[in-house]
Each structure stands twice: as C-alpha cells, then as structure tokens.
C-alpha cells in the first residue's frame, strides 16, 4: 500500500513538474530571465515599470552591461528616453560613469539634442567638464534645432569654451565643420579662440573649409580680425 501511494505521489509530482516546465517555456524571454537580464531588456524596451520593479527589489542600477557600458549611457545611446529619465531621478545612479569610449551621459544627451535631459543632468550636478572630449564638443557637433540652447546651457554652467580633445580639437572647430552657424557665432561671442590649432595644425577656418562652409569661414575670419585690432598703443 505504501509503495502504491508512493508511486501515485511520484506520478503526480512529475505531472506538476512537467506542467510547470511547460508553463515556463511558454513565457516570454523577459519573464524567464534573471534580474540582470531583465534590467537590460527593460532598458532596451524603454520599460520604466520594469525598472521600477527591479529598483524596488534592490537591483543595482549602476550594473554595467555585458559590454561594460553604464546603464544610463546605454539608455541614451539606445534612445530609451523614458528609461534614461527614470535613471537620472535615482540618487544612487552614477551620472558621470563613462563608456568604453570615454563618453558619459551628458555627452550623448548633448549630441542627440535632448535639451530636457541635459538640463536634468546639470540639475543633478553632472560634470560639465572632463578631460579629453567634453560635452561642449558634442553639443557643438550637433546640428539639430536644440544645438544653440544646449551649447548656451553648458556655457552658462562653466563649460571650458576652448576645451581640447586628445588631439587638441576645440568645440569651435567641431562647430565649424559639423554644427550650426549660430553655435559658431555664440562660441565666438563668448570668447572661443578663433586661431587655436589642433595637433594637425588645423584651425576652425580649416575645419569649415573642408566642407565648403564659406559663411562660417568668414565669421571666424572676422573674429580673428577683430582680435588683432584690439591692441593698445
């Protein structure tokens, strides 16, 4: 009798296990994944509710991705803006964590033209300046409608106007080739050096000349003439 009951119990147990496995296999990948996988799936899907649940469970919001990218940087790179805004609001998130290419969240937000996110990062005291490529370089490179506002915002928060990249390229040089004319004008009005040269000996005029931007070349040349005529006798 005991053996018969044991066999019946085991049969029922295996049926439960089989049905459980069948159920789990039918779940989407997100539900089957562990917390780490769920976190990055949520970022990719811009799923703030999932991020909130993981945060409530104590998941580390600074966990680097499998490619060692900071979560906030990754969210901005993927265009997952709701996820990025959620992460920025969390006090424990490292806003200045850098990617494998030495880029941070403020740089990507500036490059993509996300003015509200740039403002939010600055409000949370993200670093406006850093060695090498800096947020102002990226703002000057952006050619969208928010470029002027983002550049002005960074300057108002003490961005180094002649910040030098690893090869000594300045924001003015980047704006001269890639950015908007009004950003070039703003940088010049705020005191950017129009005669600075990078390691290749190139100036902002040379950068503009590469792409045939005659209006920018004239703007920079005018600034040079003005700087040369301000001497005192």
Protein backbone atom coordinates (compact mmCIF):
# COMPACT_ATOMS: atom_id res chain seq x y z
CA UNK A 1 0.00 0.00 0.00
CA UNK A 2 2.82 2.34 0.89
CA UNK A 3 4.56 1.56 -2.38
CA UNK A 4 1.37 2.15 -4.36
CA UNK A 5 0.80 5.51 -2.64
CA UNK A 6 4.42 6.46 -3.22
CA UNK A 7 4.13 5.66 -6.93
CA UNK A 8 0.94 7.69 -7.15
CA UNK A 9 2.60 10.60 -5.35
CA UNK A 10 5.65 10.49 -7.62
CA UNK A 11 3.43 10.38 -10.70
CA UNK A 12 1.53 13.45 -9.51
CA UNK A 13 4.77 15.24 -8.63
CA UNK A 14 6.21 14.61 -12.08
CA UNK A 15 3.00 15.86 -13.63
CA UNK A 16 3.32 19.10 -11.63
CA UNK A 17 6.97 19.48 -12.66
CA UNK A 18 6.11 18.78 -16.31
CA UNK A 19 3.27 21.31 -16.31
CA UNK A 20 5.49 23.91 -14.58
CA UNK A 21 8.24 23.47 -17.15
CA UNK A 22 5.70 23.68 -19.94
CA UNK A 23 4.33 26.90 -18.46
CA UNK A 24 7.77 28.47 -18.02
CA UNK A 25 8.78 27.59 -21.55
CA UNK A 26 5.74 29.43 -22.83
CA UNK A 27 6.68 32.65 -21.02
CA UNK A 28 8.43 35.45 -22.89
CA UNK A 29 12.20 35.77 -22.53
CA UNK A 30 11.81 38.74 -20.18
CA UNK A 31 9.86 36.66 -17.64
CA UNK A 32 12.32 33.77 -17.79
CA UNK A 33 15.41 35.94 -17.41
CA UNK A 34 17.18 36.77 -14.17
CA UNK A 35 17.23 40.26 -12.70
CA UNK A 36 20.39 41.24 -14.58
CA UNK A 37 18.97 40.21 -17.95
CA UNK A 38 15.60 41.76 -17.13
CA UNK A 39 17.27 45.06 -16.32
CA UNK A 40 18.89 45.43 -19.73
CA UNK A 41 15.85 44.11 -21.57
CA UNK A 42 13.84 46.80 -19.77
CA UNK A 43 16.32 49.48 -20.84
CA UNK A 44 16.22 48.25 -24.43
CA UNK A 45 12.40 48.27 -24.40
CA UNK A 46 12.24 51.61 -22.57
CA UNK A 47 10.10 49.86 -19.94
CA UNK A 48 10.04 52.11 -16.88
CA UNK A 49 7.60 49.92 -14.93
CA UNK A 50 10.00 47.01 -15.15
CA UNK A 51 12.85 49.23 -14.00
CA UNK A 52 10.76 50.43 -11.07
CA UNK A 53 10.06 46.83 -10.02
CA UNK A 54 13.72 45.90 -10.16
CA UNK A 55 14.68 49.04 -8.27
CA UNK A 56 12.12 48.17 -5.58
CA UNK A 57 13.71 44.73 -5.28
CA UNK A 58 17.10 46.35 -4.67
CA UNK A 59 18.74 45.77 -8.04
CA UNK A 60 21.92 47.84 -8.54
CA UNK A 61 21.05 50.49 -11.14
CA UNK A 62 24.74 51.05 -11.85
CA UNK A 63 25.35 47.47 -13.02
CA UNK A 64 27.38 47.64 -16.24
CA UNK A 65 26.03 45.96 -19.35
CA UNK A 66 27.66 42.80 -20.77
CA UNK A 67 29.72 45.17 -22.95
CA UNK A 68 30.65 47.15 -19.80
CA UNK A 69 28.57 50.22 -20.69
CA UNK A 70 26.91 52.21 -17.85
CA UNK A 71 23.11 51.75 -17.84
CA UNK A 72 22.28 55.45 -18.15
CA UNK A 73 24.71 55.89 -21.02
CA UNK A 74 23.24 52.80 -22.69
CA UNK A 75 19.67 54.05 -22.33
CA UNK A 76 20.55 57.34 -24.02
CA UNK A 77 22.51 55.58 -26.74
CA UNK A 78 19.52 53.35 -27.50
CA UNK A 79 17.08 56.26 -27.46
CA UNK A 80 15.26 54.82 -24.43
CA UNK A 81 14.47 58.26 -23.07
CA UNK A 82 11.84 57.25 -20.50
CA UNK A 83 14.31 54.79 -19.02
CA UNK A 84 17.02 57.46 -19.05
CA UNK A 85 14.81 59.99 -17.27
CA UNK A 86 13.93 57.37 -14.64
CA UNK A 87 17.58 56.56 -14.01
CA UNK A 88 18.56 60.23 -13.76
CA UNK A 89 15.99 60.70 -10.99
CA UNK A 90 17.52 57.97 -8.80
CA UNK A 91 20.05 59.43 -6.34
CA UNK A 92 22.27 56.36 -6.41
CA UNK A 93 22.82 56.37 -10.18
CA UNK A 94 26.31 57.48 -11.21
CA UNK A 95 25.61 60.24 -13.73
CA UNK A 96 29.27 60.57 -14.69
CA UNK A 97 30.04 56.92 -15.41
CA UNK A 98 31.89 56.63 -18.70
CA UNK A 99 31.56 54.21 -21.58
CA UNK A 100 34.37 52.16 -23.07
CA UNK A 101 34.92 55.11 -25.45
CA UNK A 102 35.26 57.54 -22.51
CA UNK A 103 31.83 59.11 -23.14
CA UNK A 104 29.33 59.99 -20.44
CA UNK A 105 25.59 60.56 -20.36
CA UNK A 106 25.81 64.34 -20.69
CA UNK A 107 27.88 64.00 -23.86
CA UNK A 108 25.36 61.68 -25.51
CA UNK A 109 22.39 63.81 -24.43
CA UNK A 110 24.08 66.87 -25.95
CA UNK A 111 24.97 65.04 -29.16
CA UNK A 112 21.38 63.78 -29.58
CA UNK A 113 19.82 67.17 -28.83
CA UNK A 114 17.90 66.15 -25.69
CA UNK A 115 17.74 69.56 -24.04
CA UNK A 116 15.50 68.46 -21.16
CA UNK A 117 17.85 65.61 -20.30
CA UNK A 118 20.89 67.88 -20.49
CA UNK A 119 19.10 70.21 -18.07
CA UNK A 120 18.14 67.34 -15.76
CA UNK A 121 21.71 66.05 -15.68
CA UNK A 122 23.07 69.51 -14.90
CA UNK A 123 20.42 69.97 -12.18
CA UNK A 124 21.68 66.72 -10.64
CA UNK A 125 25.24 68.14 -10.78
CA UNK A 126 26.60 66.01 -13.60
CA UNK A 127 30.12 67.05 -14.57
CA UNK A 128 30.01 69.68 -17.30
CA UNK A 129 33.77 69.41 -17.87
CA UNK A 130 36.01 66.39 -18.27
CA UNK A 131 39.47 65.75 -19.73
CA UNK A 132 39.57 64.81 -23.41
CA UNK A 133 36.37 65.01 -25.43
CA UNK A 134 33.86 67.00 -23.39
CA UNK A 135 30.10 67.66 -23.50
CA UNK A 136 30.71 71.03 -25.19
CA UNK A 137 32.47 69.29 -28.10
CA UNK A 138 29.39 67.10 -28.57
CA UNK A 139 26.95 70.00 -28.26
CA UNK A 140 28.93 71.94 -30.86
CA UNK A 141 28.86 68.94 -33.21
CA UNK A 142 25.07 68.50 -33.01
CA UNK A 143 23.26 70.14 -35.94
CA UNK A 144 19.68 69.97 -34.70
CA UNK A 145 17.25 72.63 -33.52
CA UNK A 146 18.28 72.45 -29.84
CA UNK A 147 22.01 72.90 -30.53
CA UNK A 148 22.15 76.58 -29.63
CA UNK A 149 20.17 76.16 -26.41
CA UNK A 150 22.27 73.19 -25.28
CA UNK A 151 25.54 74.96 -26.06
CA UNK A 152 24.41 78.07 -24.21
CA UNK A 153 23.27 76.00 -21.24
CA UNK A 154 26.66 74.29 -20.96
CA UNK A 155 28.48 77.62 -21.19
CA UNK A 156 26.23 79.09 -18.50
CA UNK A 157 27.38 76.25 -16.27
CA UNK A 158 31.06 76.99 -16.86
CA UNK A 159 31.93 74.62 -19.68
CA UNK A 160 35.51 75.27 -20.80
CA UNK A 161 34.98 77.09 -24.08
CA UNK A 162 38.35 76.05 -25.54
CA UNK A 163 38.30 72.51 -24.16
CA UNK A 164 40.82 70.36 -26.00
CA UNK A 165 40.20 66.82 -27.22
CA UNK A 166 43.09 64.32 -27.10
CA UNK A 167 44.33 65.81 -30.39
CA UNK A 168 43.63 69.38 -29.20
CA UNK A 169 40.49 69.90 -31.29
CA UNK A 170 38.23 72.55 -29.74
CA UNK A 171 34.43 72.89 -29.71
CA UNK A 172 34.70 75.80 -32.15
CA UNK A 173 36.50 73.57 -34.66
CA UNK A 174 33.77 70.93 -34.35
CA UNK A 175 31.03 73.51 -34.76
CA UNK A 176 32.80 75.00 -37.79
CA UNK A 177 32.65 71.69 -39.66
CA UNK A 178 29.58 69.93 -38.28
CA UNK A 179 27.48 72.30 -36.19
CA UNK A 180 25.11 75.15 -36.75
CA UNK A 181 26.26 78.63 -37.78
CA UNK A 182 24.55 80.18 -34.77
CA UNK A 183 26.56 77.91 -32.47
CA UNK A 184 29.77 79.07 -34.16
CA UNK A 185 28.64 82.66 -33.62
CA UNK A 186 27.81 82.02 -29.95
CA UNK A 187 31.17 80.40 -29.25
CA UNK A 188 32.99 83.31 -30.87
CA UNK A 189 30.92 85.88 -28.97
CA UNK A 190 31.65 84.06 -25.71
CA UNK A 191 35.41 84.17 -26.30
CA UNK A 192 36.40 80.99 -28.12
CA UNK A 193 39.88 81.29 -29.61
CA UNK A 194 39.43 81.57 -33.42
CA UNK A 195 43.14 80.97 -34.04
CA UNK A 196 43.61 77.82 -31.95
CA UNK A 197 45.25 74.90 -33.77
CA UNK A 198 44.97 71.19 -33.13
CA UNK A 199 47.82 68.68 -33.38
CA UNK A 200 47.49 68.64 -37.17
CA UNK A 201 47.91 72.41 -37.24
CA UNK A 202 44.29 72.94 -38.32
CA UNK A 203 42.19 75.93 -37.24
CA UNK A 204 38.43 76.45 -37.18
CA UNK A 205 38.70 78.02 -40.65
CA UNK A 206 40.37 74.86 -41.94
CA UNK A 207 37.57 72.73 -40.48
CA UNK A 208 34.95 74.92 -42.20
CA UNK A 209 36.88 74.88 -45.46
CA UNK A 210 36.80 71.07 -45.53
CA UNK A 211 33.04 71.18 -46.13
CA UNK A 212 32.82 74.45 -48.05
CA UNK A 213 31.14 76.49 -45.34
CA UNK A 214 32.05 79.93 -46.61
CA UNK A 215 29.77 81.76 -44.19
CA UNK A 216 31.47 80.10 -41.23
CA UNK A 217 34.92 80.78 -42.65
CA UNK A 218 34.05 84.47 -42.94
CA UNK A 219 32.59 84.51 -39.43
CA UNK A 220 35.78 83.10 -37.93
CA UNK A 221 37.99 85.35 -40.09
CA UNK A 222 36.04 88.39 -38.87
CA UNK A 223 36.62 87.31 -35.28
CA UNK A 224 40.35 86.99 -35.96
CA UNK A 225 40.50 90.48 -37.48
CA UNK A 226 38.66 91.93 -34.51
CA UNK A 227 41.02 90.24 -32.05
CA UNK A 228 44.00 91.63 -33.92
CA UNK A 229 42.66 95.18 -33.91
CA UNK A 230 42.14 95.44 -30.15
CA UNK A 231 45.76 96.14 -29.24
CA UNK A 232 46.67 99.31 -27.39
CA UNK A 233 49.50 101.73 -28.17
